[in-house]
């Protein structure tokens, strides 16, 4: 099993991390550092900031919009009945969000998770 969680480093800064039973803990998402925009290795002041950082990473890199057959629910933005959903591909604690085609945008997804 793989665990994702905010981790308090020895320098009293937080980063979002991943660990499995067979591997050491590693930083994930934007917290891995690097030269690309958004990536950093300076940590966060709080665990909530680390969690928000990882959620931003998921929304930017793994967001997909799908139609789920059989169950219409009301769009989280306009309450139109729809089978549309926004979700994160792969392992994620971010819940899927009911979004009609008009509101299937990263901004509407982020505002409703």
PDB file of N, CA and C in Angstrom:
ATOM      1  N   UNK A   1       0.841  -1.176   0.000  1.00  0.00           N
ATOM      2  CA  UNK A   1       0.000   0.000   0.000  1.00  0.00           C
ATOM      3  C   UNK A   1       0.888   1.242   0.000  1.00  0.00           C
ATOM      4  N   UNK A   2       0.437   2.263  -0.672  1.00  0.00           N
ATOM      5  CA  UNK A   2       1.161   3.524  -0.754  1.00  0.00           C
ATOM      6  C   UNK A   2       0.430   4.577   0.079  1.00  0.00           C
ATOM      7  N   UNK A   3       1.197   5.348   0.831  1.00  0.00           N
ATOM      8  CA  UNK A   3       0.632   6.385   1.688  1.00  0.00           C
ATOM      9  C   UNK A   3       1.114   7.751   1.220  1.00  0.00           C
ATOM     10  N   UNK A   4       0.213   8.698   1.125  1.00  0.00           N
ATOM     11  CA  UNK A   4       0.530  10.085   0.801  1.00  0.00           C
ATOM     12  C   UNK A   4       0.180  10.920   2.019  1.00  0.00           C
ATOM     13  N   UNK A   5       1.084  11.811   2.426  1.00  0.00           N
ATOM     14  CA  UNK A   5       0.842  12.578   3.654  1.00  0.00           C
ATOM     15  C   UNK A   5       1.803  13.762   3.738  1.00  0.00           C
ATOM     16  N   UNK A   6       1.414  14.813   4.501  1.00  0.00           N
ATOM     17  CA  UNK A   6       2.343  15.904   4.760  1.00  0.00           C
ATOM     18  C   UNK A   6       3.375  15.430   5.792  1.00  0.00           C
ATOM     19  N   UNK A   7       4.623  15.813   5.591  1.00  0.00           N
ATOM     20  CA  UNK A   7       5.716  15.349   6.441  1.00  0.00           C
ATOM     21  C   UNK A   7       6.463  16.557   7.007  1.00  0.00           C
ATOM     22  N   UNK A   8       6.694  16.553   8.313  1.00  0.00           N
ATOM     23  CA  UNK A   8       7.453  17.619   8.965  1.00  0.00           C
ATOM     24  C   UNK A   8       8.938  17.270   8.912  1.00  0.00           C
ATOM     25  N   UNK A   9       9.693  18.061   8.159  1.00  0.00           N
ATOM     26  CA  UNK A   9      11.121  17.812   7.991  1.00  0.00           C
ATOM     27  C   UNK A   9      11.903  18.271   9.226  1.00  0.00           C
ATOM     28  N   UNK A  10      13.167  17.935   9.289  1.00  0.00           N
ATOM     29  CA  UNK A  10      14.012  18.327  10.419  1.00  0.00           C
ATOM     30  C   UNK A  10      14.188  19.836  10.524  1.00  0.00           C
ATOM     31  N   UNK A  11      14.034  20.562   9.417  1.00  0.00           N
ATOM     32  CA  UNK A  11      14.161  22.021   9.453  1.00  0.00           C
ATOM     33  C   UNK A  11      12.847  22.712   9.819  1.00  0.00           C
ATOM     34  N   UNK A  12      11.865  21.945  10.315  1.00  0.00           N
ATOM     35  CA  UNK A  12      10.550  22.446  10.743  1.00  0.00           C
ATOM     36  C   UNK A  12       9.714  22.990   9.586  1.00  0.00           C
ATOM     37  N   UNK A  13       9.989  22.563   8.381  1.00  0.00           N
ATOM     38  CA  UNK A  13       9.185  22.898   7.208  1.00  0.00           C
ATOM     39  C   UNK A  13       8.455  21.636   6.769  1.00  0.00           C
ATOM     40  N   UNK A  14       7.301  21.810   6.143  1.00  0.00           N
ATOM     41  CA  UNK A  14       6.470  20.684   5.711  1.00  0.00           C
ATOM     42  C   UNK A  14       6.619  20.453   4.214  1.00  0.00           C
ATOM     43  N   UNK A  15       6.540  19.194   3.792  1.00  0.00           N
ATOM     44  CA  UNK A  15       6.465  18.845   2.378  1.00  0.00           C
ATOM     45  C   UNK A  15       5.485  17.686   2.229  1.00  0.00           C
ATOM     46  N   UNK A  16       4.898  17.574   1.053  1.00  0.00           N
ATOM     47  CA  UNK A  16       3.998  16.462   0.811  1.00  0.00           C
ATOM     48  C   UNK A  16       4.827  15.276   0.358  1.00  0.00           C
ATOM     49  N   UNK A  17       4.535  14.102   0.920  1.00  0.00           N
ATOM     50  CA  UNK A  17       5.385  12.943   0.730  1.00  0.00           C
ATOM     51  C   UNK A  17       4.591  11.695   0.373  1.00  0.00           C
ATOM     52  N   UNK A  18       5.348  10.690  -0.055  1.00  0.00           N
ATOM     53  CA  UNK A  18       4.783   9.393  -0.406  1.00  0.00           C
ATOM     54  C   UNK A  18       5.693   8.329   0.180  1.00  0.00           C
ATOM     55  N   UNK A  19       5.079   7.263   0.653  1.00  0.00           N
ATOM     56  CA  UNK A  19       5.856   6.128   1.158  1.00  0.00           C
ATOM     57  C   UNK A  19       5.065   4.846   0.938  1.00  0.00           C
ATOM     58  N   UNK A  20       5.777   3.818   0.542  1.00  0.00           N
ATOM     59  CA  UNK A  20       5.175   2.487   0.451  1.00  0.00           C
ATOM     60  C   UNK A  20       5.894   1.586   1.438  1.00  0.00           C
ATOM     61  N   UNK A  21       5.376   0.408   1.654  1.00  0.00           N
ATOM     62  CA  UNK A  21       5.975  -0.524   2.610  1.00  0.00           C
ATOM     63  C   UNK A  21       7.392  -0.916   2.207  1.00  0.00           C
ATOM     64  N   UNK A  22       7.692  -0.868   0.930  1.00  0.00           N
ATOM     65  CA  UNK A  22       8.993  -1.330   0.453  1.00  0.00           C
ATOM     66  C   UNK A  22       9.957  -0.202   0.077  1.00  0.00           C
ATOM     67  N   UNK A  23       9.573   1.054   0.331  1.00  0.00           N
ATOM     68  CA  UNK A  23      10.429   2.160  -0.095  1.00  0.00           C
ATOM     69  C   UNK A  23      10.496   3.250   0.971  1.00  0.00           C
ATOM     70  N   UNK A  24      11.561   4.035   0.911  1.00  0.00           N
ATOM     71  CA  UNK A  24      11.697   5.159   1.811  1.00  0.00           C
ATOM     72  C   UNK A  24      10.756   6.286   1.405  1.00  0.00           C
ATOM     73  N   UNK A  25      10.490   7.171   2.340  1.00  0.00           N
ATOM     74  CA  UNK A  25       9.648   8.334   2.080  1.00  0.00           C
ATOM     75  C   UNK A  25      10.340   9.258   1.088  1.00  0.00           C
ATOM     76  N   UNK A  26       9.564   9.781   0.137  1.00  0.00           N
ATOM     77  CA  UNK A  26      10.080  10.749  -0.829  1.00  0.00           C
ATOM     78  C   UNK A  26       9.082  11.882  -0.981  1.00  0.00           C
ATOM     79  N   UNK A  27       9.582  13.070  -1.268  1.00  0.00           N
ATOM     80  CA  UNK A  27       8.707  14.202  -1.567  1.00  0.00           C
ATOM     81  C   UNK A  27       8.019  13.940  -2.906  1.00  0.00           C
ATOM     82  N   UNK A  28       6.803  14.429  -3.049  1.00  0.00           N
ATOM     83  CA  UNK A  28       6.045  14.250  -4.289  1.00  0.00           C
ATOM     84  C   UNK A  28       5.426  15.573  -4.721  1.00  0.00           C
ATOM     85  N   UNK A  29       4.942  15.591  -5.960  1.00  0.00           N
ATOM     86  CA  UNK A  29       4.300  16.788  -6.484  1.00  0.00           C
ATOM     87  C   UNK A  29       5.303  17.913  -6.681  1.00  0.00           C
ATOM     88  N   UNK A  30       4.857  19.135  -6.486  1.00  0.00           N
ATOM     89  CA  UNK A  30       5.738  20.288  -6.644  1.00  0.00           C
ATOM     90  C   UNK A  30       6.849  20.299  -5.598  1.00  0.00           C
ATOM     91  N   UNK A  31       6.673  19.580  -4.486  1.00  0.00           N
ATOM     92  CA  UNK A  31       7.654  19.582  -3.390  1.00  0.00           C
ATOM     93  C   UNK A  31       8.940  18.819  -3.714  1.00  0.00           C
ATOM     94  N   UNK A  32       9.009  18.168  -4.879  1.00  0.00           N
ATOM     95  CA  UNK A  32      10.231  17.422  -5.208  1.00  0.00           C
ATOM     96  C   UNK A  32      11.382  18.344  -5.593  1.00  0.00           C
ATOM     97  N   UNK A  33      11.088  19.602  -5.852  1.00  0.00           N
ATOM     98  CA  UNK A  33      12.132  20.537  -6.265  1.00  0.00           C
ATOM     99  C   UNK A  33      12.370  20.453  -7.756  1.00  0.00           C
ATOM    100  N   UNK A  34      13.358  21.181  -8.213  1.00  0.00           N
ATOM    101  CA  UNK A  34      13.673  21.183  -9.637  1.00  0.00           C
ATOM    102  C   UNK A  34      13.570  22.572 -10.222  1.00  0.00           C
ATOM    103  N   UNK A  35      13.920  22.672 -11.488  1.00  0.00           N
ATOM    104  CA  UNK A  35      13.981  23.967 -12.153  1.00  0.00           C
ATOM    105  C   UNK A  35      12.670  24.377 -12.819  1.00  0.00           C
ATOM    106  N   UNK A  36      11.746  23.459 -12.977  1.00  0.00           N
ATOM    107  CA  UNK A  36      10.486  23.800 -13.650  1.00  0.00           C
ATOM    108  C   UNK A  36       9.650  24.745 -12.787  1.00  0.00           C
ATOM    109  N   UNK A  37       8.874  25.619 -13.418  1.00  0.00           N
ATOM    110  CA  UNK A  37       8.034  26.558 -12.662  1.00  0.00           C
ATOM    111  C   UNK A  37       7.070  25.828 -11.714  1.00  0.00           C
ATOM    112  N   UNK A  38       6.971  26.339 -10.506  1.00  0.00           N
ATOM    113  CA  UNK A  38       6.071  25.759  -9.517  1.00  0.00           C
ATOM    114  C   UNK A  38       6.743  24.757  -8.596  1.00  0.00           C
ATOM    115  N   UNK A  39       7.787  24.100  -9.076  1.00  0.00           N
ATOM    116  CA  UNK A  39       8.481  23.102  -8.261  1.00  0.00           C
ATOM    117  C   UNK A  39       9.413  23.807  -7.276  1.00  0.00           C
ATOM    118  N   UNK A  40       9.536  23.241  -6.081  1.00  0.00           N
ATOM    119  CA  UNK A  40      10.347  23.878  -5.040  1.00  0.00           C
ATOM    120  C   UNK A  40      10.821  22.826  -4.052  1.00  0.00           C
ATOM    121  N   UNK A  41      11.828  23.158  -3.285  1.00  0.00           N
ATOM    122  CA  UNK A  41      12.298  22.244  -2.240  1.00  0.00           C
ATOM    123  C   UNK A  41      12.470  22.968  -0.911  1.00  0.00           C
ATOM    124  N   UNK A  42      11.850  24.141  -0.779  1.00  0.00           N
ATOM    125  CA  UNK A  42      11.995  24.929   0.440  1.00  0.00           C
ATOM    126  C   UNK A  42      10.919  24.643   1.482  1.00  0.00           C
ATOM    127  N   UNK A  43      10.006  23.738   1.201  1.00  0.00           N
ATOM    128  CA  UNK A  43       8.987  23.341   2.168  1.00  0.00           C
ATOM    129  C   UNK A  43       7.891  24.377   2.356  1.00  0.00           C
ATOM    130  N   UNK A  44       7.019  24.087   3.307  1.00  0.00           N
ATOM    131  CA  UNK A  44       5.866  24.944   3.614  1.00  0.00           C
ATOM    132  C   UNK A  44       5.821  25.209   5.104  1.00  0.00           C
ATOM    133  N   UNK A  45       5.160  26.294   5.480  1.00  0.00           N
ATOM    134  CA  UNK A  45       5.063  26.669   6.895  1.00  0.00           C
ATOM    135  C   UNK A  45       4.130  25.743   7.668  1.00  0.00           C
ATOM    136  N   UNK A  46       3.114  25.183   7.001  1.00  0.00           N
ATOM    137  CA  UNK A  46       2.138  24.337   7.691  1.00  0.00           C
ATOM    138  C   UNK A  46       1.843  23.078   6.881  1.00  0.00           C
ATOM    139  N   UNK A  47       1.269  22.095   7.554  1.00  0.00           N
ATOM    140  CA  UNK A  47       0.868  20.875   6.843  1.00  0.00           C
ATOM    141  C   UNK A  47      -0.272  21.169   5.869  1.00  0.00           C
ATOM    142  N   UNK A  48      -1.156  22.111   6.219  1.00  0.00           N
ATOM    143  CA  UNK A  48      -2.244  22.483   5.304  1.00  0.00           C
ATOM    144  C   UNK A  48      -1.698  23.070   4.003  1.00  0.00           C
ATOM    145  N   UNK A  49      -0.642  23.880   4.107  1.00  0.00           N
ATOM    146  CA  UNK A  49      -0.025  24.438   2.900  1.00  0.00           C
ATOM    147  C   UNK A  49       0.575  23.324   2.032  1.00  0.00           C
ATOM    148  N   UNK A  50       1.195  22.333   2.669  1.00  0.00           N
ATOM    149  CA  UNK A  50       1.759  21.209   1.918  1.00  0.00           C
ATOM    150  C   UNK A  50       0.652  20.426   1.206  1.00  0.00           C
ATOM    151  N   UNK A  51      -0.474  20.212   1.889  1.00  0.00           N
ATOM    152  CA  UNK A  51      -1.609  19.505   1.273  1.00  0.00           C
ATOM    153  C   UNK A  51      -2.169  20.301   0.098  1.00  0.00           C
ATOM    154  N   UNK A  52      -2.314  21.613   0.267  1.00  0.00           N
ATOM    155  CA  UNK A  52      -2.829  22.461  -0.815  1.00  0.00           C
ATOM    156  C   UNK A  52      -1.876  22.463  -2.004  1.00  0.00           C
ATOM    157  N   UNK A  53      -0.577  22.424  -1.735  1.00  0.00           N
ATOM    158  CA  UNK A  53       0.422  22.374  -2.804  1.00  0.00           C
ATOM    159  C   UNK A  53       0.249  21.100  -3.623  1.00  0.00           C
ATOM    160  N   UNK A  54       0.070  19.968  -2.949  1.00  0.00           N
ATOM    161  CA  UNK A  54      -0.080  18.710  -3.670  1.00  0.00           C
ATOM    162  C   UNK A  54      -1.395  18.680  -4.449  1.00  0.00           C
ATOM    163  N   UNK A  55      -2.446  19.229  -3.865  1.00  0.00           N
ATOM    164  CA  UNK A  55      -3.716  19.270  -4.590  1.00  0.00           C
ATOM    165  C   UNK A  55      -3.580  20.137  -5.847  1.00  0.00           C
ATOM    166  N   UNK A  56      -2.865  21.250  -5.761  1.00  0.00           N
ATOM    167  CA  UNK A  56      -2.615  22.080  -6.943  1.00  0.00           C
ATOM    168  C   UNK A  56      -1.851  21.290  -8.002  1.00  0.00           C
ATOM    169  N   UNK A  57      -0.879  20.514  -7.566  1.00  0.00           N
ATOM    170  CA  UNK A  57      -0.116  19.671  -8.488  1.00  0.00           C
ATOM    171  C   UNK A  57      -1.039  18.673  -9.187  1.00  0.00           C
ATOM    172  N   UNK A  58      -1.889  17.995  -8.410  1.00  0.00           N
ATOM    173  CA  UNK A  58      -2.812  17.024  -9.009  1.00  0.00           C
ATOM    174  C   UNK A  58      -3.733  17.689 -10.030  1.00  0.00           C
ATOM    175  N   UNK A  59      -4.273  18.847  -9.681  1.00  0.00           N
ATOM    176  CA  UNK A  59      -5.189  19.539 -10.586  1.00  0.00           C
ATOM    177  C   UNK A  59      -4.481  19.969 -11.873  1.00  0.00           C
ATOM    178  N   UNK A  60      -3.206  20.313 -11.768  1.00  0.00           N
ATOM    179  CA  UNK A  60      -2.457  20.764 -12.943  1.00  0.00           C
ATOM    180  C   UNK A  60      -1.967  19.612 -13.814  1.00  0.00           C
ATOM    181  N   UNK A  61      -1.762  18.437 -13.231  1.00  0.00           N
ATOM    182  CA  UNK A  61      -1.115  17.364 -13.990  1.00  0.00           C
ATOM    183  C   UNK A  61      -1.958  16.123 -14.222  1.00  0.00           C
ATOM    184  N   UNK A  62      -3.006  15.907 -13.441  1.00  0.00           N
ATOM    185  CA  UNK A  62      -3.739  14.633 -13.550  1.00  0.00           C
ATOM    186  C   UNK A  62      -5.255  14.803 -13.622  1.00  0.00           C
ATOM    187  N   UNK A  63      -5.729  15.998 -13.858  1.00  0.00           N
ATOM    188  CA  UNK A  63      -7.171  16.242 -13.930  1.00  0.00           C
ATOM    189  C   UNK A  63      -7.738  15.707 -15.237  1.00  0.00           C
ATOM    190  N   UNK A  64      -8.864  15.011 -15.134  1.00  0.00           N
ATOM    191  CA  UNK A  64      -9.574  14.558 -16.333  1.00  0.00           C
ATOM    192  C   UNK A  64     -11.070  14.744 -16.115  1.00  0.00           C
ATOM    193  N   UNK A  65     -11.773  14.918 -17.215  1.00  0.00           N
ATOM    194  CA  UNK A  65     -13.232  15.045 -17.173  1.00  0.00           C
ATOM    195  C   UNK A  65     -13.830  13.858 -17.911  1.00  0.00           C
ATOM    196  N   UNK A  66     -14.820  13.233 -17.283  1.00  0.00           N
ATOM    197  CA  UNK A  66     -15.423  12.019 -17.835  1.00  0.00           C
ATOM    198  C   UNK A  66     -16.937  12.099 -17.722  1.00  0.00           C
ATOM    199  N   UNK A  67     -17.605  11.251 -18.482  1.00  0.00           N
ATOM    200  CA  UNK A  67     -19.050  11.068 -18.371  1.00  0.00           C
ATOM    201  C   UNK A  67     -19.285   9.716 -17.704  1.00  0.00           C
ATOM    202  N   UNK A  68     -19.982   9.702 -16.589  1.00  0.00           N
ATOM    203  CA  UNK A  68     -20.301   8.445 -15.915  1.00  0.00           C
ATOM    204  C   UNK A  68     -21.713   8.034 -16.314  1.00  0.00           C
ATOM    205  N   UNK A  69     -21.830   6.855 -16.870  1.00  0.00           N
ATOM    206  CA  UNK A  69     -23.128   6.407 -17.363  1.00  0.00           C
ATOM    207  C   UNK A  69     -24.051   6.009 -16.218  1.00  0.00           C
ATOM    208  N   UNK A  70     -25.319   6.294 -16.417  1.00  0.00           N
ATOM    209  CA  UNK A  70     -26.341   5.777 -15.518  1.00  0.00           C
ATOM    210  C   UNK A  70     -26.761   6.659 -14.371  1.00  0.00           C
ATOM    211  N   UNK A  71     -25.945   7.611 -13.950  1.00  0.00           N
ATOM    212  CA  UNK A  71     -26.316   8.400 -12.783  1.00  0.00           C
ATOM    213  C   UNK A  71     -26.146   9.882 -13.061  1.00  0.00           C
ATOM    214  N   UNK A  72     -27.271  10.565 -13.146  1.00  0.00           N
ATOM    215  CA  UNK A  72     -27.248  12.016 -13.321  1.00  0.00           C
ATOM    216  C   UNK A  72     -27.316  12.674 -11.948  1.00  0.00           C
ATOM    217  N   UNK A  73     -26.432  13.622 -11.746  1.00  0.00           N
ATOM    218  CA  UNK A  73     -26.427  14.418 -10.519  1.00  0.00           C
ATOM    219  C   UNK A  73     -26.364  15.884 -10.918  1.00  0.00           C
ATOM    220  N   UNK A  74     -26.564  16.768  -9.965  1.00  0.00           N
ATOM    221  CA  UNK A  74     -26.556  18.192 -10.279  1.00  0.00           C
ATOM    222  C   UNK A  74     -25.132  18.744 -10.266  1.00  0.00           C
ATOM    223  N   UNK A  75     -24.836  19.544 -11.278  1.00  0.00           N
ATOM    224  CA  UNK A  75     -23.541  20.201 -11.401  1.00  0.00           C
ATOM    225  C   UNK A  75     -23.266  21.017 -10.140  1.00  0.00           C
ATOM    226  N   UNK A  76     -22.046  20.957  -9.639  1.00  0.00           N
ATOM    227  CA  UNK A  76     -21.664  21.675  -8.420  1.00  0.00           C
ATOM    228  C   UNK A  76     -21.702  23.188  -8.602  1.00  0.00           C
ATOM    229  N   UNK A  77     -21.696  23.671  -9.844  1.00  0.00           N
ATOM    230  CA  UNK A  77     -21.680  25.106 -10.103  1.00  0.00           C
ATOM    231  C   UNK A  77     -23.076  25.644 -10.417  1.00  0.00           C
ATOM    232  N   UNK A  78     -23.760  25.019 -11.389  1.00  0.00           N
ATOM    233  CA  UNK A  78     -25.031  25.584 -11.870  1.00  0.00           C
ATOM    234  C   UNK A  78     -26.251  24.726 -11.563  1.00  0.00           C
ATOM    235  N   UNK A  79     -26.053  23.552 -10.995  1.00  0.00           N
ATOM    236  CA  UNK A  79     -27.110  22.623 -10.625  1.00  0.00           C
ATOM    237  C   UNK A  79     -27.856  22.003 -11.801  1.00  0.00           C
ATOM    238  N   UNK A  80     -27.291  22.098 -13.007  1.00  0.00           N
ATOM    239  CA  UNK A  80     -27.832  21.398 -14.169  1.00  0.00           C
ATOM    240  C   UNK A  80     -27.589  19.906 -13.974  1.00  0.00           C
ATOM    241  N   UNK A  81     -28.580  19.078 -14.344  1.00  0.00           N
ATOM    242  CA  UNK A  81     -28.407  17.630 -14.225  1.00  0.00           C
ATOM    243  C   UNK A  81     -27.415  17.151 -15.276  1.00  0.00           C
ATOM    244  N   UNK A  82     -26.460  16.341 -14.856  1.00  0.00           N
ATOM    245  CA  UNK A  82     -25.391  15.912 -15.756  1.00  0.00           C
ATOM    246  C   UNK A  82     -24.801  14.580 -15.307  1.00  0.00           C
ATOM    247  N   UNK A  83     -24.139  13.908 -16.229  1.00  0.00           N
ATOM    248  CA  UNK A  83     -23.362  12.718 -15.899  1.00  0.00           C
ATOM    249  C   UNK A  83     -21.868  13.047 -15.878  1.00  0.00           C
ATOM    250  N   UNK A  84     -21.530  14.335 -16.074  1.00  0.00           N
ATOM    251  CA  UNK A  84     -20.141  14.760 -16.117  1.00  0.00           C
ATOM    252  C   UNK A  84     -19.489  14.782 -14.745  1.00  0.00           C
ATOM    253  N   UNK A  85     -18.210  14.418 -14.724  1.00  0.00           N
ATOM    254  CA  UNK A  85     -17.429  14.428 -13.485  1.00  0.00           C
ATOM    255  C   UNK A  85     -16.024  14.933 -13.777  1.00  0.00           C
ATOM    256  N   UNK A  86     -15.472  15.618 -12.819  1.00  0.00           N
ATOM    257  CA  UNK A  86     -14.053  15.944 -12.836  1.00  0.00           C
ATOM    258  C   UNK A  86     -13.387  15.050 -11.810  1.00  0.00           C
ATOM    259  N   UNK A  87     -12.244  14.473 -12.159  1.00  0.00           N
ATOM    260  CA  UNK A  87     -11.548  13.600 -11.214  1.00  0.00           C
ATOM    261  C   UNK A  87     -10.049  13.614 -11.506  1.00  0.00           C
ATOM    262  N   UNK A  88      -9.305  13.096 -10.534  1.00  0.00           N
ATOM    263  CA  UNK A  88      -7.859  12.995 -10.672  1.00  0.00           C
ATOM    264  C   UNK A  88      -7.522  11.560 -11.059  1.00  0.00           C
ATOM    265  N   UNK A  89      -6.727  11.393 -12.130  1.00  0.00           N
ATOM    266  CA  UNK A  89      -6.294  10.056 -12.546  1.00  0.00           C
ATOM    267  C   UNK A  89      -5.375   9.448 -11.486  1.00  0.00           C
ATOM    268  N   UNK A  90      -5.451   8.145 -11.313  1.00  0.00           N
ATOM    269  CA  UNK A  90      -4.541   7.439 -10.415  1.00  0.00           C
ATOM    270  C   UNK A  90      -4.980   7.505  -8.965  1.00  0.00           C
ATOM    271  N   UNK A  91      -4.029   7.307  -8.055  1.00  0.00           N
ATOM    272  CA  UNK A  91      -4.315   7.326  -6.626  1.00  0.00           C
ATOM    273  C   UNK A  91      -4.454   8.771  -6.166  1.00  0.00           C
ATOM    274  N   UNK A  92      -5.597   9.106  -5.615  1.00  0.00           N
ATOM    275  CA  UNK A  92      -5.819  10.466  -5.145  1.00  0.00           C
ATOM    276  C   UNK A  92      -6.839  10.476  -4.033  1.00  0.00           C
ATOM    277  N   UNK A  93      -6.633  11.356  -3.094  1.00  0.00           N
ATOM    278  CA  UNK A  93      -7.628  11.576  -2.044  1.00  0.00           C
ATOM    279  C   UNK A  93      -8.625  12.658  -2.438  1.00  0.00           C
ATOM    280  N   UNK A  94      -8.381  13.309  -3.574  1.00  0.00           N
ATOM    281  CA  UNK A  94      -9.284  14.343  -4.057  1.00  0.00           C
ATOM    282  C   UNK A  94     -10.551  13.685  -4.595  1.00  0.00           C
ATOM    283  N   UNK A  95     -11.711  14.049  -4.062  1.00  0.00           N
ATOM    284  CA  UNK A  95     -12.951  13.419  -4.528  1.00  0.00           C
ATOM    285  C   UNK A  95     -13.320  13.873  -5.940  1.00  0.00           C
ATOM    286  N   UNK A  96     -14.101  13.050  -6.634  1.00  0.00           N
ATOM    287  CA  UNK A  96     -14.614  13.497  -7.925  1.00  0.00           C
ATOM    288  C   UNK A  96     -15.667  14.571  -7.673  1.00  0.00           C
ATOM    289  N   UNK A  97     -15.856  15.433  -8.661  1.00  0.00           N
ATOM    290  CA  UNK A  97     -16.797  16.548  -8.551  1.00  0.00           C
ATOM    291  C   UNK A  97     -17.743  16.483  -9.735  1.00  0.00           C
ATOM    292  N   UNK A  98     -19.033  16.626  -9.475  1.00  0.00           N
ATOM    293  CA  UNK A  98     -20.031  16.632 -10.543  1.00  0.00           C
ATOM    294  C   UNK A  98     -19.964  17.984 -11.251  1.00  0.00           C
ATOM    295  N   UNK A  99     -19.650  17.950 -12.549  1.00  0.00           N
ATOM    296  CA  UNK A  99     -19.538  19.170 -13.349  1.00  0.00           C
ATOM    297  C   UNK A  99     -20.144  18.936 -14.723  1.00  0.00           C
ATOM    298  N   UNK A 100     -21.037  19.823 -15.137  1.00  0.00           N
ATOM    299  CA  UNK A 100     -21.611  19.750 -16.480  1.00  0.00           C
ATOM    300  C   UNK A 100     -20.529  20.147 -17.492  1.00  0.00           C
ATOM    301  N   UNK A 101     -20.733  19.863 -18.780  1.00  0.00           N
ATOM    302  CA  UNK A 101     -19.709  20.192 -19.774  1.00  0.00           C
ATOM    303  C   UNK A 101     -19.278  21.663 -19.755  1.00  0.00           C
ATOM    304  N   UNK A 102     -20.198  22.571 -19.495  1.00  0.00           N
ATOM    305  CA  UNK A 102     -19.865  24.002 -19.457  1.00  0.00           C
ATOM    306  C   UNK A 102     -18.895  24.335 -18.322  1.00  0.00           C
ATOM    307  N   UNK A 103     -18.977  23.604 -17.233  1.00  0.00           N
ATOM    308  CA  UNK A 103     -18.155  23.904 -16.059  1.00  0.00           C
ATOM    309  C   UNK A 103     -17.009  22.921 -15.842  1.00  0.00           C
ATOM    310  N   UNK A 104     -16.678  22.159 -16.865  1.00  0.00           N
ATOM    311  CA  UNK A 104     -15.548  21.244 -16.759  1.00  0.00           C
ATOM    312  C   UNK A 104     -14.264  21.993 -17.062  1.00  0.00           C
ATOM    313  N   UNK A 105     -13.842  22.791 -16.078  1.00  0.00           N
ATOM    314  CA  UNK A 105     -12.620  23.576 -16.183  1.00  0.00           C
ATOM    315  C   UNK A 105     -11.782  23.340 -14.922  1.00  0.00           C
ATOM    316  N   UNK A 106     -10.470  23.524 -15.006  1.00  0.00           N
ATOM    317  CA  UNK A 106      -9.637  23.395 -13.815  1.00  0.00           C
ATOM    318  C   UNK A 106     -10.056  24.341 -12.695  1.00  0.00           C
ATOM    319  N   UNK A 107     -10.461  25.568 -13.037  1.00  0.00           N
ATOM    320  CA  UNK A 107     -10.882  26.523 -12.011  1.00  0.00           C
ATOM    321  C   UNK A 107     -12.143  26.078 -11.281  1.00  0.00           C
ATOM    322  N   UNK A 108     -13.130  25.574 -12.041  1.00  0.00           N
ATOM    323  CA  UNK A 108     -14.373  25.100 -11.387  1.00  0.00           C
ATOM    324  C   UNK A 108     -14.106  23.849 -10.573  1.00  0.00           C
ATOM    325  N   UNK A 109     -13.218  22.989 -11.042  1.00  0.00           N
ATOM    326  CA  UNK A 109     -12.858  21.811 -10.270  1.00  0.00           C
ATOM    327  C   UNK A 109     -12.198  22.217  -8.956  1.00  0.00           C
ATOM    328  N   UNK A 110     -11.218  23.109  -9.029  1.00  0.00           N
ATOM    329  CA  UNK A 110     -10.495  23.560  -7.834  1.00  0.00           C
ATOM    330  C   UNK A 110     -11.417  24.250  -6.840  1.00  0.00           C
ATOM    331  N   UNK A 111     -12.403  24.975  -7.319  1.00  0.00           N
ATOM    332  CA  UNK A 111     -13.307  25.697  -6.437  1.00  0.00           C
ATOM    333  C   UNK A 111     -14.276  24.769  -5.720  1.00  0.00           C
ATOM    334  N   UNK A 112     -14.391  23.532  -6.178  1.00  0.00           N
ATOM    335  CA  UNK A 112     -15.398  22.621  -5.615  1.00  0.00           C
ATOM    336  C   UNK A 112     -14.839  21.356  -4.981  1.00  0.00           C
ATOM    337  N   UNK A 113     -13.535  21.276  -4.793  1.00  0.00           N
ATOM    338  CA  UNK A 113     -12.964  20.117  -4.088  1.00  0.00           C
ATOM    339  C   UNK A 113     -12.744  20.453  -2.629  1.00  0.00           C
TER     340      UNK A 113
END
